[in-house]
Every structure is written in C-alpha cells, then in structure tokens.
Amino acid sequence: MKVLITGFDPFGGESVNPAYEAVKMLPDEISGAEIVKLEIPTEFVRSGDMVCHAIDNFSPDVVINVGQAGGRSCVTVEKVAINCEDARVPDNAEYSPHDVKVKDDGPDAYFATLPVVEIVKETNALSIPCEMSYTAGTYVCNSVMYNVLHYVATKGLKIKAGFIHVPYAAEQAVTKKQIPYMKVQDIADVLKVAIKTTVESM
C-alpha cells in the first residue's frame, strides 16, 4: 500500500509552512504503507495539477493533502470541498480569483473519502486536540482538495483522499500576539494517526 501526502510551501510572507514541515518529519513507512512526501506550491493553478500528476506517477492508495490554517486552534480534518475559488490575498503566483469555479464541469462539492470521524476520534484519544471541519475555505487548500477528489471521481480511481488543516507552528506565533499554535512534532503525530487510521480501515 502507498500513501501520497503533500504539504504547501510558505505563503503570505511566512518563512515556513508547518504543513510541509510536519510532512517532512513523517517516517517512510506507517502501518506497512510506503509514505511518499511531496511539497506543492501555494498556487491555485499548479497545486492541483501537481498532485494529480503525482497520482499518475506513484499510483497511491491514499492521498492526504495538508495545509496551514493560521488562527485555528488545533488540527482540523476537512469533511467537504466546494467548487469555488475566492482569494482574499493573491497566491504565490500573484493570482487572485474571485468567485470562480474550480472545475466548470464539476459538482458543487465533494466529500472527503478519508475516515474523517475515526481520524478525529483516534487523535483525541492520544490527548492531541483535533476536530472535524465543514469548511476548507475558498483558498488554495480547498482548491487542491476539490481538484484531487474530482480527479479521483472522474477517473474512477479507488483512492481514499482528503485534506487536513494545521495551525501555525510555534515559531510563527512568536511574532503574533495571542494566536493559537502547535508544535510541528505534534502536528506530525496527528498526520501519523491519520495515515495509520486510514490504512488500517482499508
């Protein structure tokens, strides 16, 4: 079995992105599954295409995309991606879409096919805060989640896929007053649980 897990590069003036920093800390094997790690750009146009290309190259059984949601107090496992791109700030390619569809021929939304409830439950059992989220936003995170689920659905692939949002890392919070954060190691531990729970459910 093979798991493709991605994290975004830094954006919004930050020097790091805890999403990929946590992905890099993962072992190369979890619950017998090979872990393929990939950094993707915080760009609407390129990110989805890059992950879909990686799906073709690596033929994973599971795809988990990870992104930063600064301001959230814990890791949140996304339940749904919507067919909408709307950027309050430009992405790293200076692209700033407003109320446009991710895919013109796509449905209004896709639900994650990861075992979202079980991931949250297993993470909380380790005394690590984790919640289910019903909004992945309208920025690049939602876009890549939608793109991947659309690709899997339209290609008829038997792949479990979804998205996980993570808070600021501790080093980012130093310059931000009273902002929630998590240690990158704790974020990595949640990702391990997410992978283990997903793999063992298949």
Protein backbone atom coordinates (compact mmCIF):
# COMPACT_ATOMS: atom_id res chain seq x y z
CA MET A 1 0.00 0.00 0.00
CA LYS A 2 1.15 3.53 -0.73
CA VAL A 3 0.21 6.91 0.77
CA LEU A 4 0.88 10.20 -1.01
CA ILE A 5 0.96 13.08 1.46
CA THR A 6 1.60 16.68 0.44
CA GLY A 7 2.30 19.98 2.19
CA PHE A 8 2.39 23.51 0.83
CA ASP A 9 5.38 25.82 0.60
CA PRO A 10 5.39 29.04 2.72
CA PHE A 11 2.97 31.81 1.73
CA GLY A 12 1.62 35.12 2.95
CA GLY A 13 5.05 36.41 3.94
CA GLU A 14 5.82 33.46 6.24
CA SER A 15 9.27 31.84 6.16
CA VAL A 16 7.94 28.35 6.90
CA ASN A 17 4.76 26.37 6.37
CA PRO A 18 4.04 23.94 9.21
CA ALA A 19 2.15 21.71 6.78
CA TYR A 20 5.21 20.57 4.86
CA GLU A 21 7.50 20.85 7.89
CA ALA A 22 5.31 18.21 9.58
CA VAL A 23 5.13 16.08 6.43
CA LYS A 24 8.94 16.01 6.26
CA MET A 25 9.06 14.56 9.79
CA LEU A 26 6.99 11.51 8.89
CA PRO A 27 8.70 8.11 8.63
CA ASP A 28 8.96 6.41 5.27
CA GLU A 29 6.58 3.65 6.37
CA ILE A 30 3.49 3.67 8.58
CA SER A 31 1.37 0.58 9.28
CA GLY A 32 3.10 -1.21 6.42
CA ALA A 33 2.33 1.55 3.90
CA GLU A 34 5.01 3.36 1.93
CA ILE A 35 4.88 7.12 2.53
CA VAL A 36 5.52 9.40 -0.46
CA LYS A 37 6.07 13.03 0.56
CA LEU A 38 5.64 15.97 -1.78
CA GLU A 39 5.91 19.74 -1.38
CA ILE A 40 3.45 21.63 -3.56
CA PRO A 41 3.19 25.34 -4.42
CA THR A 42 0.62 27.61 -2.81
CA GLU A 43 -0.83 28.35 -6.21
CA PHE A 44 -4.35 27.73 -7.49
CA VAL A 45 -3.32 26.63 -10.98
CA ARG A 46 -0.27 24.49 -10.29
CA SER A 47 -1.06 22.76 -7.00
CA GLY A 48 -3.92 20.55 -8.16
CA ASP A 49 -2.17 19.64 -11.39
CA MET A 50 0.98 18.68 -9.48
CA VAL A 51 -0.87 16.35 -7.12
CA CYS A 52 -2.83 14.74 -9.95
CA HIS A 53 0.42 14.21 -11.85
CA ALA A 54 1.90 12.60 -8.74
CA ILE A 55 -1.13 10.30 -8.54
CA ASP A 56 -0.36 9.14 -12.08
CA ASN A 57 3.33 8.67 -11.25
CA PHE A 58 3.07 6.92 -7.88
CA SER A 59 -0.33 5.17 -8.04
CA PRO A 60 -1.13 5.73 -4.34
CA ASP A 61 -3.97 4.08 -2.45
CA VAL A 62 -4.41 7.15 -0.23
CA VAL A 63 -3.87 10.87 -0.87
CA ILE A 64 -3.74 13.32 2.02
CA ASN A 65 -3.13 17.00 1.35
CA VAL A 66 -2.06 19.17 4.27
CA GLY A 67 -2.23 22.95 4.56
CA GLN A 68 -1.90 25.77 7.08
CA ALA A 69 -4.97 27.46 8.52
CA GLY A 70 -3.49 30.20 10.66
CA GLY A 71 -5.81 31.09 13.53
CA ARG A 72 -7.32 27.64 14.03
CA SER A 73 -6.65 26.28 17.47
CA CYS A 74 -6.00 22.66 16.51
CA VAL A 75 -5.62 20.30 13.60
CA THR A 76 -8.86 20.06 11.62
CA VAL A 77 -9.77 17.23 9.27
CA GLU A 78 -11.85 18.56 6.39
CA LYS A 79 -15.17 16.92 5.51
CA VAL A 80 -16.06 18.76 2.28
CA ALA A 81 -14.51 20.70 -0.60
CA ILE A 82 -16.60 23.19 -2.58
CA ASN A 83 -16.42 24.15 -6.25
CA CYS A 84 -15.35 27.73 -5.60
CA GLU A 85 -12.13 29.71 -5.64
CA ASP A 86 -12.10 33.08 -3.91
CA ALA A 87 -8.87 34.61 -2.66
CA ARG A 88 -8.69 37.34 -0.05
CA VAL A 89 -4.95 37.59 -0.84
CA PRO A 90 -3.10 36.58 -4.02
CA ASP A 91 -1.44 33.17 -4.13
CA ASN A 92 2.32 32.76 -4.60
CA ALA A 93 1.91 33.30 -8.36
CA GLU A 94 0.07 36.60 -7.68
CA TYR A 95 -3.19 35.04 -8.90
CA SER A 96 -6.30 36.21 -7.09
CA PRO A 97 -9.52 34.58 -8.31
CA HIS A 98 -12.88 35.82 -7.09
CA ASP A 99 -15.96 33.60 -7.04
CA VAL A 100 -14.89 31.30 -9.87
CA LYS A 101 -15.35 27.55 -10.14
CA VAL A 102 -12.53 25.12 -9.52
CA LYS A 103 -13.94 22.95 -12.32
CA ASP A 104 -16.58 24.26 -14.73
CA ASP A 105 -17.96 20.76 -15.24
CA GLY A 106 -17.73 19.69 -11.61
CA PRO A 107 -20.42 19.27 -8.93
CA ASP A 108 -20.95 21.87 -6.24
CA ALA A 109 -18.99 19.84 -3.68
CA TYR A 110 -17.16 16.62 -2.90
CA PHE A 111 -16.99 14.87 0.44
CA ALA A 112 -13.65 13.57 1.68
CA THR A 113 -13.29 9.80 1.40
CA LEU A 114 -10.88 9.55 4.32
CA PRO A 115 -12.36 8.14 7.56
CA VAL A 116 -12.70 11.66 8.96
CA VAL A 117 -14.66 10.83 12.13
CA GLU A 118 -12.33 7.98 13.02
CA ILE A 119 -9.21 10.10 12.50
CA VAL A 120 -10.53 12.76 14.86
CA LYS A 121 -11.52 10.14 17.43
CA GLU A 122 -8.16 8.34 17.36
CA THR A 123 -6.24 11.62 17.57
CA ASN A 124 -8.24 12.87 20.55
CA ALA A 125 -7.66 9.51 22.26
CA LEU A 126 -3.97 10.46 22.35
CA SER A 127 -4.86 13.74 24.10
CA ILE A 128 -4.00 15.74 20.99
CA PRO A 129 -6.66 18.30 20.02
CA CYS A 130 -8.27 17.57 16.66
CA GLU A 131 -11.66 18.44 15.19
CA MET A 132 -13.72 17.79 12.08
CA SER A 133 -14.24 20.85 9.87
CA TYR A 134 -17.03 21.52 7.41
CA THR A 135 -15.24 24.31 5.58
CA ALA A 136 -11.89 24.11 3.83
CA GLY A 137 -12.31 27.76 2.87
CA THR A 138 -12.07 29.06 -0.70
CA TYR A 139 -8.30 29.45 -0.97
CA VAL A 140 -5.69 27.08 -2.43
CA CYS A 141 -6.29 24.41 0.24
CA ASN A 142 -9.91 23.95 -0.79
CA SER A 143 -8.91 24.13 -4.44
CA VAL A 144 -6.39 21.30 -4.22
CA MET A 145 -8.78 19.17 -2.16
CA TYR A 146 -11.52 19.65 -4.74
CA ASN A 147 -9.15 19.03 -7.65
CA VAL A 148 -7.93 15.74 -6.19
CA LEU A 149 -11.39 14.44 -5.31
CA HIS A 150 -12.65 15.46 -8.78
CA TYR A 151 -9.72 13.68 -10.44
CA VAL A 152 -10.26 10.51 -8.40
CA ALA A 153 -14.02 10.54 -9.11
CA THR A 154 -13.82 11.23 -12.84
CA LYS A 155 -11.01 8.72 -13.41
CA GLY A 156 -12.81 6.04 -11.41
CA LEU A 157 -9.80 5.55 -9.12
CA LYS A 158 -10.12 3.56 -5.90
CA ILE A 159 -8.23 6.10 -3.80
CA LYS A 160 -9.12 7.45 -0.37
CA ALA A 161 -8.49 11.20 -0.38
CA GLY A 162 -8.97 14.25 1.78
CA PHE A 163 -7.44 17.32 3.39
CA ILE A 164 -6.07 18.23 6.82
CA HIS A 165 -5.59 21.81 8.04
CA VAL A 166 -2.96 22.61 10.66
CA PRO A 167 -2.46 25.68 12.90
CA TYR A 168 0.53 27.99 12.94
CA ALA A 169 3.78 26.46 14.14
CA ALA A 170 5.25 27.69 17.42
CA GLU A 171 7.99 29.70 15.68
CA GLN A 172 5.39 31.56 13.63
CA ALA A 173 3.41 32.51 16.72
CA VAL A 174 6.37 34.36 18.25
CA THR A 175 5.54 37.46 16.20
CA LYS A 176 1.76 37.11 16.58
CA LYS A 177 0.02 38.06 19.80
CA GLN A 178 -2.41 35.59 21.38
CA ILE A 179 -2.59 33.37 18.29
CA PRO A 180 -3.14 29.61 18.58
CA TYR A 181 -0.27 27.35 17.54
CA MET A 182 1.01 23.79 17.78
CA LYS A 183 4.46 22.28 17.83
CA VAL A 184 5.37 20.80 14.46
CA GLN A 185 6.10 17.46 16.13
CA ASP A 186 2.53 17.36 17.48
CA ILE A 187 1.22 18.12 14.00
CA ALA A 188 3.34 15.30 12.59
CA ASP A 189 1.93 12.97 15.25
CA VAL A 190 -1.61 13.80 14.09
CA LEU A 191 -0.64 13.06 10.50
CA LYS A 192 0.74 9.68 11.60
CA VAL A 193 -2.59 8.90 13.25
CA ALA A 194 -4.46 9.99 10.13
CA ILE A 195 -2.38 7.72 7.94
CA LYS A 196 -2.50 4.77 10.34
CA THR A 197 -6.27 5.06 10.78
CA THR A 198 -6.89 5.35 7.04
CA VAL A 199 -4.60 2.48 6.06
CA GLU A 200 -5.99 0.16 8.70
CA SER A 201 -9.56 0.93 7.59
CA MET A 202 -8.91 -0.33 4.05
